[in-house]
Structures are given as C-alpha cells and as structure tokens.
Protein backbone atom coordinates (compact mmCIF):
# COMPACT_ATOMS: atom_id res chain seq x y z
CA MET A 1 48.85 23.05 11.65
CA GLN A 2 48.67 22.13 15.32
CA MET A 3 48.79 18.46 16.08
CA ASP A 4 45.53 18.63 18.04
CA SER A 5 43.87 19.37 14.65
CA ALA A 6 45.74 16.85 12.69
CA GLU A 7 44.02 13.59 11.38
CA VAL A 8 46.36 10.78 11.05
CA VAL A 9 45.30 7.30 9.71
CA VAL A 10 47.56 4.22 10.51
CA ILE A 11 47.01 1.13 8.44
CA GLY A 12 47.90 -1.90 10.49
CA ALA A 13 47.59 -2.69 14.19
CA GLY A 14 50.93 -4.42 14.53
CA MET A 15 53.76 -3.33 16.88
CA GLY A 16 54.75 -0.46 14.51
CA GLY A 17 51.31 0.72 14.02
CA LEU A 18 50.35 0.68 17.70
CA ALA A 19 53.62 2.40 18.76
CA ALA A 20 53.05 5.20 16.15
CA ALA A 21 49.51 5.66 17.14
CA ILE A 22 50.33 5.83 20.84
CA GLN A 23 53.09 8.48 20.39
CA LEU A 24 50.84 10.70 18.16
CA ALA A 25 47.80 10.46 20.43
CA ALA A 26 50.07 11.35 23.44
CA GLY A 27 51.09 14.42 21.49
CA GLY A 28 47.63 15.43 20.78
CA ALA A 29 46.91 14.14 17.29
CA ARG A 30 43.72 12.51 16.28
CA VAL A 31 44.42 9.12 15.17
CA THR A 32 42.48 6.16 13.59
CA VAL A 33 43.99 2.73 13.27
CA VAL A 34 42.39 0.52 10.72
CA GLU A 35 43.16 -3.28 10.97
CA ALA A 36 41.83 -5.92 8.52
CA GLN A 37 41.89 -8.55 11.18
CA ALA A 38 39.50 -8.70 14.25
CA TYR A 39 42.43 -8.32 16.68
CA PRO A 40 45.55 -6.26 17.11
CA GLY A 41 49.04 -7.38 16.92
CA GLY A 42 49.77 -8.13 13.17
CA LYS A 43 52.08 -10.96 13.11
CA MET A 44 51.86 -11.19 16.78
CA ARG A 45 48.89 -13.42 16.47
CA ALA A 46 47.45 -16.42 18.29
CA LEU A 47 45.31 -19.51 17.42
CA ALA A 48 42.87 -21.25 19.51
CA SER A 49 43.84 -24.53 21.27
CA ALA A 50 42.58 -26.90 23.94
CA ALA A 51 44.88 -25.17 26.48
CA GLY A 52 43.92 -21.50 25.36
CA PRO A 53 45.22 -19.06 22.80
CA VAL A 54 48.68 -20.18 21.69
CA ASP A 55 51.12 -17.80 19.87
CA ALA A 56 51.66 -18.22 16.16
CA GLY A 57 54.13 -15.25 15.83
CA PRO A 58 57.02 -13.72 17.71
CA THR A 59 57.97 -15.34 21.00
CA VAL A 60 61.12 -13.53 22.19
CA LEU A 61 60.77 -10.12 23.83
CA THR A 62 64.06 -8.11 24.27
CA LEU A 63 64.69 -4.42 25.06
CA ARG A 64 61.59 -4.15 27.27
CA ALA A 65 62.51 -0.43 28.04
CA VAL A 66 61.06 0.34 24.53
CA PHE A 67 57.68 -0.76 25.94
CA ASP A 68 58.08 0.72 29.30
CA ASP A 69 58.61 4.12 27.62
CA LEU A 70 55.29 3.81 25.56
CA PHE A 71 53.25 3.28 28.65
CA ALA A 72 55.21 6.19 30.34
CA LEU A 73 54.06 8.48 27.49
CA ALA A 74 50.50 8.10 29.05
CA GLY A 75 51.79 8.33 32.64
CA GLU A 76 51.24 4.59 33.12
CA ARG A 77 53.40 1.72 34.03
CA LEU A 78 53.74 -1.39 31.78
CA ASP A 79 53.73 -3.73 34.96
CA ASP A 80 50.37 -2.53 35.96
CA HIS A 81 48.92 -4.09 32.73
CA LEU A 82 51.20 -6.87 31.94
CA THR A 83 53.16 -9.46 33.78
CA LEU A 84 56.70 -9.88 32.13
CA LEU A 85 58.76 -12.73 33.38
CA PRO A 86 62.57 -12.44 33.16
CA GLN A 87 64.00 -15.68 31.68
CA PRO A 88 67.11 -16.77 33.60
CA ILE A 89 68.18 -18.95 30.70
CA LEU A 90 67.98 -17.50 27.30
CA ALA A 91 67.59 -20.61 25.48
CA ARG A 92 68.38 -24.26 25.81
CA HIS A 93 70.14 -25.72 22.88
CA TRP A 94 70.04 -29.47 21.87
CA TRP A 95 72.09 -31.55 19.35
CA PRO A 96 71.39 -35.00 17.77
CA ASP A 97 74.47 -36.41 19.63
CA GLY A 98 72.78 -35.80 22.87
CA SER A 99 74.80 -32.69 23.89
CA ARG A 100 73.04 -29.74 25.43
CA LEU A 101 74.11 -26.19 26.28
CA ASP A 102 72.16 -23.47 28.15
CA LEU A 103 73.23 -19.80 27.82
CA THR A 104 72.29 -17.01 30.37
CA GLY A 105 73.79 -13.91 28.75
CA THR A 106 76.25 -13.55 31.46
CA ARG A 107 79.79 -13.70 30.01
CA GLU A 108 81.49 -15.76 32.77
CA THR A 109 78.68 -17.97 33.47
CA ASP A 110 78.32 -18.84 29.65
CA ALA A 111 82.17 -19.15 29.38
CA HIS A 112 82.22 -21.81 32.00
CA ALA A 113 79.26 -23.68 30.46
CA ILE A 114 81.03 -23.58 27.12
CA ALA A 115 84.24 -24.91 28.69
CA ASP A 116 82.37 -27.87 29.96
CA PHE A 117 80.40 -28.30 26.76
CA ALA A 118 83.30 -28.00 24.37
CA SER A 119 86.73 -27.06 25.79
CA PRO A 120 88.59 -24.24 27.65
CA ALA A 121 89.88 -23.01 24.33
CA GLU A 122 86.37 -22.49 23.06
CA ALA A 123 85.55 -20.73 26.28
CA ARG A 124 88.30 -18.27 25.44
CA ALA A 125 86.95 -17.97 21.93
CA PHE A 126 83.45 -17.19 23.28
CA ARG A 127 84.88 -14.43 25.48
CA ARG A 128 86.44 -12.90 22.56
CA PHE A 129 83.29 -13.22 20.47
CA ASP A 130 81.09 -11.81 23.23
CA ALA A 131 83.33 -8.80 23.59
CA LEU A 132 83.19 -8.29 19.75
CA ALA A 133 79.45 -8.57 19.72
CA GLN A 134 79.18 -6.02 22.70
CA GLY A 135 81.42 -3.69 20.69
CA LEU A 136 79.34 -3.92 17.60
CA TYR A 137 76.14 -3.31 19.65
CA ASP A 138 77.54 -0.32 21.21
CA ALA A 139 78.82 1.15 17.86
CA PHE A 140 75.50 0.58 16.06
CA ASP A 141 73.08 1.45 18.88
CA ALA A 142 72.65 5.17 18.38
CA PRO A 143 73.51 5.68 14.66
CA VAL A 144 71.40 2.79 13.45
CA MET A 145 68.77 1.42 15.80
CA ARG A 146 67.83 4.70 17.48
CA ALA A 147 68.27 6.99 14.55
CA PRO A 148 65.49 7.72 12.06
CA GLN A 149 67.59 6.19 9.34
CA PRO A 150 71.12 4.52 9.45
CA GLN A 151 73.91 7.27 9.61
CA PHE A 152 76.99 6.02 7.92
CA LEU A 153 79.41 8.67 9.11
CA PRO A 154 78.54 8.31 12.79
CA ILE A 155 79.01 4.52 12.43
CA LEU A 156 82.59 5.12 10.98
CA ARG A 157 83.47 7.39 13.64
CA ALA A 158 82.25 4.86 16.28
CA VAL A 159 84.41 2.06 14.93
CA ALA A 160 87.50 4.06 13.77
CA GLY A 161 89.15 3.81 17.04
CA ARG A 162 88.24 0.08 17.65
CA PRO A 163 90.21 -1.99 15.27
CA ALA A 164 88.90 -5.11 16.97
CA LEU A 165 85.62 -4.55 15.30
CA TRP A 166 87.01 -4.21 11.79
CA PRO A 167 86.87 -7.85 10.98
CA ALA A 168 83.19 -7.92 11.46
CA LEU A 169 82.67 -4.89 9.16
CA LEU A 170 84.71 -6.20 6.05
CA PRO A 171 82.56 -6.24 2.84
CA GLY A 172 81.56 -9.81 2.07
CA ARG A 173 82.38 -11.11 5.59
CA THR A 174 79.29 -13.16 6.64
CA LEU A 175 78.22 -14.16 10.00
CA ALA A 176 78.89 -17.75 9.53
CA GLY A 177 82.37 -16.93 8.16
CA LEU A 178 83.19 -14.74 11.15
CA LEU A 179 82.09 -17.52 13.49
CA ARG A 180 84.16 -20.18 11.68
CA HIS A 181 87.06 -17.84 12.29
CA GLN A 182 86.19 -17.57 16.08
CA PHE A 183 85.23 -21.11 17.08
CA ARG A 184 86.48 -24.61 16.13
CA ASP A 185 83.44 -26.51 17.46
CA PRO A 186 80.85 -26.58 14.69
CA ARG A 187 78.01 -26.73 17.24
CA LEU A 188 79.03 -23.28 18.56
CA VAL A 189 79.07 -21.92 14.88
CA GLN A 190 75.62 -23.29 14.43
CA LEU A 191 74.36 -21.81 17.71
CA PHE A 192 75.44 -18.13 17.14
CA ALA A 193 74.88 -18.25 13.40
CA ARG A 194 71.16 -18.77 14.04
CA TYR A 195 70.87 -15.09 15.00
CA ALA A 196 70.85 -14.30 11.35
CA THR A 197 67.58 -16.01 11.08
CA TYR A 198 66.16 -13.73 13.77
CA VAL A 199 66.09 -11.05 11.04
CA GLY A 200 65.23 -13.31 8.05
CA GLY A 201 68.75 -14.12 6.71
CA ARG A 202 70.84 -17.22 5.98
CA PRO A 203 73.99 -17.24 8.03
CA ASP A 204 76.38 -17.83 5.08
CA HIS A 205 74.80 -14.75 3.26
CA SER A 206 74.17 -12.29 6.06
CA PRO A 207 76.71 -9.62 7.22
CA ALA A 208 78.91 -10.46 10.15
CA VAL A 209 77.68 -7.38 11.91
CA LEU A 210 74.56 -9.27 12.90
CA ALA A 211 76.65 -10.86 15.57
CA LEU A 212 75.33 -7.90 17.67
CA ILE A 213 72.00 -9.67 17.94
CA TRP A 214 73.50 -12.01 20.34
CA ARG A 215 74.23 -9.00 22.70
CA ALA A 216 70.66 -7.67 22.28
CA GLU A 217 69.35 -10.92 23.52
CA ALA A 218 71.99 -11.34 26.21
CA ALA A 219 71.01 -8.05 27.78
CA GLY A 220 67.66 -9.62 28.75
CA VAL A 221 64.81 -11.79 27.57
CA TRP A 222 61.25 -11.66 29.02
CA ALA A 223 58.27 -13.84 28.49
CA VAL A 224 54.67 -12.37 28.68
CA GLN A 225 52.46 -14.21 30.95
CA GLY A 226 49.58 -15.51 28.82
CA GLY A 227 51.54 -15.24 25.61
CA MET A 228 53.07 -12.60 23.47
CA HIS A 229 49.72 -11.64 22.00
CA ARG A 230 48.81 -10.09 25.40
CA LEU A 231 51.52 -7.42 24.67
CA ALA A 232 49.48 -6.51 21.57
CA GLU A 233 46.28 -6.36 23.44
CA ALA A 234 47.98 -4.17 26.22
CA LEU A 235 49.32 -1.74 23.69
CA ALA A 236 45.88 -1.65 21.83
CA ALA A 237 44.15 -0.83 25.23
CA LEU A 238 46.75 1.90 25.92
CA ALA A 239 46.02 3.38 22.63
CA GLY A 240 42.27 3.27 23.27
CA ARG A 241 42.79 5.15 26.57
CA LEU A 242 44.77 7.87 24.70
CA GLY A 243 41.74 8.35 22.45
CA VAL A 244 42.95 6.35 19.35
CA ARG A 245 40.10 4.96 17.37
CA LEU A 246 40.71 1.41 16.59
CA ARG A 247 38.62 -0.09 13.81
CA TYR A 248 39.09 -3.86 13.46
CA GLY A 249 37.79 -5.82 10.41
CA ALA A 250 38.35 -2.59 8.39
CA ARG A 251 40.73 -3.41 5.44
CA ALA A 252 42.32 -0.44 3.71
CA ARG A 253 41.79 -0.71 -0.10
CA ARG A 254 43.47 2.42 -1.26
CA ILE A 255 45.61 5.32 -0.14
CA VAL A 256 43.95 8.46 -1.61
CA ARG A 257 46.05 11.31 -3.03
CA GLN A 258 44.98 14.87 -3.87
CA GLY A 259 47.20 17.73 -4.92
CA GLY A 260 50.46 15.53 -4.96
CA ARG A 261 50.16 14.27 -1.36
CA VAL A 262 48.09 11.84 0.71
CA SER A 263 44.68 12.92 1.65
CA GLY A 264 42.81 9.90 2.87
CA VAL A 265 42.54 6.13 3.00
CA GLN A 266 39.62 4.33 1.43
CA LEU A 267 38.35 1.11 3.05
CA ASP A 268 36.81 -1.99 1.50
CA SER A 269 33.44 -0.74 2.66
CA GLY A 270 33.88 2.23 0.33
CA GLU A 271 34.23 4.77 3.21
CA THR A 272 37.03 7.17 2.90
CA LEU A 273 38.95 8.50 6.02
CA PRO A 274 40.44 11.90 5.37
CA CYS A 275 43.84 12.46 6.89
CA ALA A 276 46.75 14.82 6.80
CA ALA A 277 49.20 11.98 7.12
CA CYS A 278 49.04 8.14 6.65
CA ILE A 279 51.41 5.64 8.19
CA HIS A 280 51.39 2.51 6.43
CA ALA A 281 52.36 -0.22 8.91
CA GLY A 282 51.97 -3.23 6.64
CA ASP A 283 54.75 -4.68 4.54
CA PRO A 284 56.23 -1.87 2.28
CA ALA A 285 56.07 -4.22 -0.67
CA ALA A 286 52.30 -3.66 -0.66
CA LEU A 287 53.09 -0.26 -1.80
CA THR A 288 55.61 -1.02 -4.54
CA GLY A 289 53.39 -3.95 -5.78
CA GLY A 290 50.39 -1.55 -6.25
CA LEU A 291 48.14 -3.23 -3.72
CA MET A 292 47.37 0.20 -1.98
CA GLY A 293 46.27 1.88 -5.17
CA GLU A 294 47.97 3.20 -8.25
CA GLY A 295 50.66 5.82 -8.32
CA LEU A 296 52.40 4.48 -5.09
CA GLU A 297 54.81 2.19 -6.88
CA SER A 298 57.37 4.94 -6.96
CA ALA A 299 56.94 5.91 -3.35
CA LEU A 300 59.94 3.74 -2.56
CA PRO A 301 62.89 2.41 -4.49
CA ALA A 302 62.81 -1.19 -5.62
CA THR A 303 65.75 -1.99 -3.50
CA ALA A 304 63.63 -1.00 -0.42
CA THR A 305 61.60 -4.24 -0.58
CA THR A 306 63.62 -6.73 -2.52
CA PRO A 307 65.17 -9.35 -2.07
CA ARG A 308 62.91 -10.78 0.44
CA SER A 309 63.68 -12.30 3.87
CA LEU A 310 62.94 -15.76 5.02
CA SER A 311 59.47 -17.13 5.84
CA ALA A 312 58.50 -20.01 8.16
CA TRP A 313 56.25 -22.92 8.64
CA VAL A 314 54.79 -22.34 12.19
CA TRP A 315 53.13 -24.86 14.40
CA SER A 316 50.80 -23.71 17.17
CA PHE A 317 49.10 -26.45 19.22
CA ALA A 318 48.33 -27.84 22.64
CA ALA A 319 49.68 -31.29 23.78
CA THR A 320 51.24 -33.18 26.40
CA PRO A 321 54.98 -33.57 26.02
CA GLN A 322 56.44 -37.09 26.41
CA GLY A 323 59.80 -38.85 26.26
CA PRO A 324 63.20 -38.45 27.94
CA LEU A 325 63.43 -34.61 27.07
CA ALA A 326 59.88 -33.61 28.04
CA ALA A 327 60.78 -32.70 31.66
CA ASP A 328 63.89 -30.75 30.58
CA LEU A 329 62.05 -28.26 28.15
CA ILE A 330 62.26 -24.52 29.21
CA HIS A 331 60.53 -21.63 27.62
CA HIS A 332 63.00 -21.11 24.70
CA ASN A 333 64.50 -24.40 22.99
CA VAL A 334 66.47 -24.86 19.88
CA PHE A 335 67.00 -28.32 18.31
CA PHE A 336 69.92 -28.25 15.86
CA PRO A 337 70.45 -30.79 12.98
CA GLN A 338 73.67 -32.45 12.39
CA ASP A 339 74.24 -30.46 9.01
CA THR A 340 72.95 -27.00 8.32
CA ALA A 341 73.97 -27.35 4.66
CA GLN A 342 70.74 -29.43 4.20
CA GLU A 343 68.76 -26.80 5.86
CA PHE A 344 69.92 -23.41 4.17
CA GLY A 345 70.81 -25.03 0.79
CA PRO A 346 67.22 -26.21 -0.01
CA ILE A 347 65.77 -22.98 1.31
CA GLY A 348 68.01 -21.10 -0.95
CA ALA A 349 66.50 -23.02 -3.84
CA GLY A 350 62.94 -22.21 -2.62
CA ASN A 351 62.37 -25.76 -0.98
CA MET A 352 61.62 -27.05 2.32
CA PRO A 353 64.86 -27.75 4.43
CA GLU A 354 65.81 -31.47 4.57
CA THR A 355 67.31 -31.24 8.04
CA PRO A 356 65.68 -28.05 9.69
CA THR A 357 66.73 -26.33 12.92
CA LEU A 358 63.60 -26.50 15.06
CA TYR A 359 62.89 -23.59 17.46
CA LEU A 360 60.35 -24.69 20.23
CA CYS A 361 58.59 -22.36 22.59
CA ALA A 362 57.00 -24.06 25.56
CA GLU A 363 54.73 -21.21 26.29
CA ASP A 364 53.39 -22.37 29.56
CA ARG A 365 56.96 -22.83 31.11
CA ALA A 366 58.03 -19.30 31.27
CA GLY A 367 57.45 -19.20 35.10
CA GLY A 368 59.85 -22.28 35.40
CA VAL A 369 57.22 -24.86 36.64
CA PRO A 370 55.84 -27.26 34.04
CA PRO A 371 52.03 -27.17 34.20
CA THR A 372 49.98 -30.30 34.56
CA GLY A 373 48.04 -31.48 31.59
CA PRO A 374 48.13 -30.17 28.02
CA GLU A 375 50.66 -27.30 27.33
CA ARG A 376 50.89 -24.69 24.53
CA PHE A 377 53.73 -25.06 22.07
CA GLU A 378 54.97 -23.08 19.16
CA ILE A 379 57.43 -24.59 16.68
CA ILE A 380 59.16 -22.52 14.01
CA VAL A 381 60.67 -24.03 10.95
CA ASN A 382 62.69 -21.77 8.46
CA ALA A 383 61.26 -21.55 5.06
CA PRO A 384 61.78 -19.59 1.71
CA ALA A 385 59.28 -16.73 1.07
CA GLY A 386 57.23 -16.76 -2.04
CA ARG A 387 56.47 -20.38 -1.78
CA ALA A 388 52.88 -21.58 -2.81
CA ASP A 389 51.37 -24.30 -0.74
CA GLN A 390 52.11 -27.79 -2.23
CA PRO A 391 49.95 -30.85 -1.60
CA GLU A 392 52.88 -32.79 0.07
CA ASP A 393 54.02 -29.80 2.30
CA PHE A 394 51.94 -30.80 5.25
CA ALA A 395 53.10 -34.34 5.45
CA ARG A 396 56.83 -33.35 4.75
CA CYS A 397 56.72 -30.62 7.37
CA MET A 398 55.07 -33.01 9.86
CA THR A 399 57.67 -35.64 9.19
CA ARG A 400 60.73 -33.21 9.38
CA THR A 401 59.44 -31.73 12.55
CA PHE A 402 57.93 -34.32 14.72
CA GLN A 403 59.99 -37.39 13.43
CA THR A 404 63.08 -35.22 14.13
CA LEU A 405 62.05 -34.42 17.76
CA ARG A 406 61.08 -38.10 18.36
CA ARG A 407 64.69 -39.14 17.35
CA MET A 408 65.99 -36.76 19.91
CA GLY A 409 63.68 -37.93 22.64
CA LEU A 410 60.67 -35.72 22.48
CA SER A 411 57.22 -36.47 21.36
CA PHE A 412 53.76 -34.86 21.75
CA SER A 413 50.26 -36.37 22.41
CA PRO A 414 48.38 -35.58 20.25
CA GLU A 415 50.34 -34.24 17.43
CA PRO A 416 48.88 -31.17 15.62
CA ASP A 417 46.51 -31.41 12.52
CA ARG A 418 46.62 -28.99 9.58
CA ALA A 419 44.72 -26.35 11.54
CA GLY A 420 47.78 -25.99 13.79
CA LEU A 421 50.15 -25.11 10.75
CA THR A 422 50.69 -21.54 9.44
CA THR A 423 52.49 -21.73 5.97
CA PRO A 424 54.30 -19.18 3.95
CA ALA A 425 51.25 -18.88 1.69
CA MET A 426 48.90 -18.27 4.41
CA LEU A 427 51.28 -15.47 5.64
CA GLU A 428 51.11 -13.85 2.21
CA ARG A 429 47.33 -13.98 2.42
CA LEU A 430 47.33 -12.54 6.08
CA PHE A 431 49.96 -9.86 5.15
CA PRO A 432 49.43 -8.81 1.36
CA GLY A 433 52.57 -7.90 -0.53
CA SER A 434 54.75 -9.82 1.76
CA GLY A 435 55.06 -12.93 -0.29
CA GLY A 436 55.13 -14.71 3.06
CA ALA A 437 58.34 -13.04 4.18
CA ILE A 438 58.14 -12.42 7.95
CA TYR A 439 60.92 -9.78 8.08
CA GLY A 440 60.37 -7.55 5.07
CA ARG A 441 63.47 -6.93 3.12
CA SER A 442 66.35 -9.53 3.34
CA PRO A 443 69.28 -8.71 5.65
CA GLU A 444 71.62 -10.52 3.29
CA GLY A 445 74.33 -8.38 1.85
CA SER A 446 76.98 -6.08 3.30
CA PHE A 447 74.95 -2.93 3.10
CA ALA A 448 71.46 -4.42 3.54
CA ALA A 449 70.86 -2.27 6.59
CA PHE A 450 71.10 0.89 4.48
CA ALA A 451 68.46 -0.30 1.92
CA ARG A 452 65.82 -0.95 4.34
CA PRO A 453 63.33 2.09 3.89
CA PRO A 454 63.13 4.78 6.68
CA ALA A 455 59.85 6.38 7.82
CA ARG A 456 59.48 8.95 5.23
CA THR A 457 58.56 7.91 1.68
CA ARG A 458 58.93 9.78 -1.57
CA MET A 459 55.07 10.54 -1.38
CA PRO A 460 54.33 13.45 0.78
CA GLY A 461 52.11 12.46 3.73
CA LEU A 462 52.91 8.69 3.45
CA TYR A 463 55.05 7.17 6.20
CA LEU A 464 56.17 3.68 6.92
CA ALA A 465 56.22 1.58 10.23
CA GLY A 466 56.58 -2.10 11.13
CA GLY A 467 59.23 -4.71 10.74
CA GLY A 468 59.61 -4.05 6.97
CA ALA A 469 60.89 -0.50 7.72
CA HIS A 470 64.00 0.74 9.44
CA PRO A 471 65.30 -0.28 11.96
CA GLY A 472 63.94 -3.66 10.90
CA ALA A 473 62.47 -7.01 12.30
CA GLY A 474 61.99 -7.89 15.78
CA VAL A 475 59.30 -6.84 18.35
CA PRO A 476 61.20 -3.79 19.77
CA MET A 477 62.56 -2.86 16.43
CA ALA A 478 59.17 -2.70 14.86
CA ALA A 479 58.04 -0.59 17.93
CA LEU A 480 60.88 1.81 17.36
CA SER A 481 60.05 2.05 13.63
CA GLY A 482 56.40 3.20 14.87
CA GLN A 483 58.13 5.99 17.00
CA HIS A 484 60.33 7.15 14.06
CA ALA A 485 57.22 7.38 11.94
CA ALA A 486 55.42 9.38 14.60
CA GLN A 487 58.29 11.81 14.87
CA ALA A 488 58.47 12.28 11.15
CA VAL A 489 54.81 12.97 10.93
CA VAL A 490 55.14 15.64 13.69
CA ALA A 491 58.25 17.20 12.12
CA ASP A 492 56.46 17.45 8.74
CA LEU A 493 53.06 18.71 9.91
CA THR A 494 53.85 21.20 12.52
CA SER A 495 56.62 23.26 14.03
CA ARG A 496 58.33 22.19 17.21
CA SER A 497 56.42 24.70 19.16
CA GLY A 498 53.03 23.39 17.91
CA TRP A 499 53.93 19.78 19.22
CA THR A 500 52.90 19.02 22.79
CA ARG A 501 56.10 17.86 24.49
CA THR A 502 55.78 14.28 26.02
CA ALA A 503 58.11 12.05 27.99
CA MET A 504 59.90 11.27 24.64
CA PRO A 505 60.44 14.54 22.81
CA GLY A 506 63.29 13.35 20.60
CA GLY A 507 63.40 9.44 21.05
CA THR A 508 63.48 6.99 23.80
CA SER A 509 65.04 8.63 26.70
CA THR A 510 62.43 8.03 29.45
CA ARG A 511 63.72 5.95 32.44
CA SER A 512 62.16 2.59 32.64
CA PRO A 513 61.03 1.42 36.07
CA THR A 514 63.11 -1.71 35.64
CA THR A 515 66.17 -0.10 34.13
CA GLY A 516 66.49 2.93 36.38
CA SER A 517 69.42 4.93 35.22
CA ALA A 518 70.85 2.54 32.79
CA ARG A 519 71.61 3.66 29.40
CA PHE A 520 68.92 2.85 26.92
CA ARG A 521 70.09 -0.25 24.94
C-alpha cells in the first residue's frame, strides 16, 4: 500500500492526535481527525471569561523545537502563525514565611539566588543537583524520549560510565528521597520535588530519575501569546492546510474490526469511517475499559493503564488581583504550604489536600507588563483521580485555594464561581476512561516509564498517541507520541520506498529557526 492511498482515522484532536495527523498528511496519507468537542486541543482547552478565553489545561511550553519541526514539515515557520514569548524567569516560588525565590534555568544565576535565599552550602548543593539532573537528561534523551519505546540497554550504556548518576537510578529511590539527600533546606526539597507532579506523581512515590524534568524546564520555557489554546488552534490550522479533514462534534463510538484488524471507526451518528489504521489519541484506558467497543480490552496489558496518575481541581477566571503580592506576580507562580505531608497524604487516601501547593498562571503577564483591568488566571490544585464530585468540594476547594492566598497577601476581585472550576469528575466526563487522571498511567514506581504503552498495540491497525502513551505527559511529550504513532503506521502500512520523505524521515532532526545547529533536546 502506498501512503497516498492509505486512509487513517485519528480519534482525538489533542497534541498527540494533531501531531500524528500532521506528520501523516505531510507524507501523503489521507487523514481524518474526529473530535468529540467543538474545538481542538484535548486537555489544552479554554473557558470563557470577562477578559477573554482563559486556559483550563496545560500552561507550560518547553522543548519548542518539537513544534518548530512540525511546522517545518509543511515548509512553514511556527513564528509566522504564533507569538511565543520566552520567559526569563521560569517560575516565582512563594512560602508562608514570606520568603521568595526566582529560578531562571541558568546554573550560576540560580546558585547565587539560592545562596541569598538559603545559604552558600545550599548553593553548592544546587550545583551538584543541577549537574545530576543534566546528566540524567542527557542519558535518557535518545533512548527514552525520542525512541518509539524505552530502550533499556542503551540507558544502561549511557549511565554505565557515569557513576555520579547511579544514586538517582537505585530501585526504590524516590525523587523526594534524593532531594532530602541533596538539600538541607526543606523549601528547596519542596521546590524541586514538585516536578513529580508535572507528570502526575507524588514526590515520595515517584522515581528519582524524574529530577531530569528540572533540566527540561531549565532549557527554556515559552508562553503563547493569547493563551496555550492558541497552540492547538495553530496546529489544527496547519493540519487543515495539509489536507487533514477535521471533524469536530464527532464522537467516536466504536473501533470496528474485520479479519482480525482495525477496519474503521464508527461515530455516534452511526456513520462508519473506513480506515487502514486508527490512531487512538484519547486515554488508553478507554480501550482497556471497553469504551471503544468489545474485543479491544486485550489490546494493551492492564499494567499499561493502571495505576492512575494525579488529577486536579482547576480554577479558570478573570479578576483584578489585590494585596501586597499582586504587583509581583509573573507568568508562572507557585505557592507552597508549610507542610507537604498534609498535601500528598490526603491525596493518597483519595481526599482533597488539607494544605495544597497552589500553582498560579497569570496568563496576561507573559510579556512582563501587568495589564490594566481584569486579568486571566488559572490556578491548579493537585487532586486524586477517580474522585466523584462531593457536595462540599466546591466550598472546600474555594477555602483552601483563596483563603490560603489571602493569608499570603494575594486576593482577587471578584473570586470565581462554580463555572470557573473544573473538577476531576468533570475531566472524566470530558475524557472518557481517564477517571479524571490528567497524565494517564501513574509515574510512581521504579520502572513506571517502561510500563507506559508505546504506539503499537496488540491489535493490528490500532495505534496510540497522547499523554497516556509513551513518552508520557507534557505538551511536547504528547506531540512526540503522535510522531511515534505516525512513524509506526508508515512502517506497518508501506515499505520505506513507498513513503514520501519529509523533513523528519526518522524522527525530529529538523533544525529549528530558534535553535539553529543546537542538538535537539
């Protein structure tokens, strides 16, 4: 089969689904994307507010070269369609005692800041930690993130000659445990331990290797002018220009099989779209849970989708900030509690945290100049997955979010109402099978990265993309999963000679207009 005669249906217009569609269409395939919602983006969604659409999903964009490369597939430049704003401060961190720390991603700048914040000894500890995280990132880059599935032997070879990395790879060593060994100041342990939550894990249960997420962020953070949902819109428009048929408000009911392989996708309307391959870019648990039709439960092992990652309560609203801290907010802000035991202990028991860490995105401050009038804000509170809405949840979340911020010197006028809160149960309804989990399978456990499902499933013609598939959660990771899925489809449907070569024949090697000759990170 030549790719110009191959019909491929992608279920879901999130980052993974759009990236897969773009790469396949650039190679000549006929691609249809079906999306249950009326907009692209999946979890990269927005809610209406008095100040305009406000994000209700991801807020951090790293590894922008992944998206530069997607536009390069069509001979276009991302910068011609979006304005990305590099953030000189990765995040501003606040504590109840009034202390504050900014991090920039530059080792010596951050070391000096930590020396002033804590002590010269902690600055030296940070330099050691930063070097460790960089080493882990370098070792895991090619054999994990960019590989179609994690490759254990290349990882061993990458770390064998670097004994400094071994403490982070010991079975049972958690990220929080590693950090307590590195730092004496509990605030620094809190700060760097939060990176486990970026992929849906609790710091005391997630492997120490997740320290590498710090270096992924330190390599550069961008904001999307207008909000992250603009990135989804730009990718959907790019897919359309490549000939992808995007069908919104079209919910997939069933993946159809014939002769032992996938042959089509049936919609709620009753229409069936025939296809040679189907990329499921929703939560893989929808397959194992039987939500996409009978006979697919065995397409993945049970360990590919369980246990589940964290969920969140997400506030999205417009307001005027007030109080002593209002003028000092930047784009990314993190408010830490005094005691994280009262955060992750209750979450582990399926309850709302007593003293949550509050991540606050001041969406309209990405350019560095606070606007006049109401601004758009998103606040994320870690939550357990699988939690049904409780009558008292709104009042409790309201108190534990906004009363906590008021005590620290920040308030909002007006405070949001129920329409501004997305709950774990609402996320389950939006993303069937997820149980509200934002990041798919949990990253907790020493070998969790090897349990996440790759693009190919046990069912011929059925592939996976999205944050629930390898290489995992995060905006660029989900996009990379889509590229892995597209490459698997091509390899299975046609010979190499039948595939039209593109700017990325075997991966993500195209030079970005902003990274030049720098090695892809």
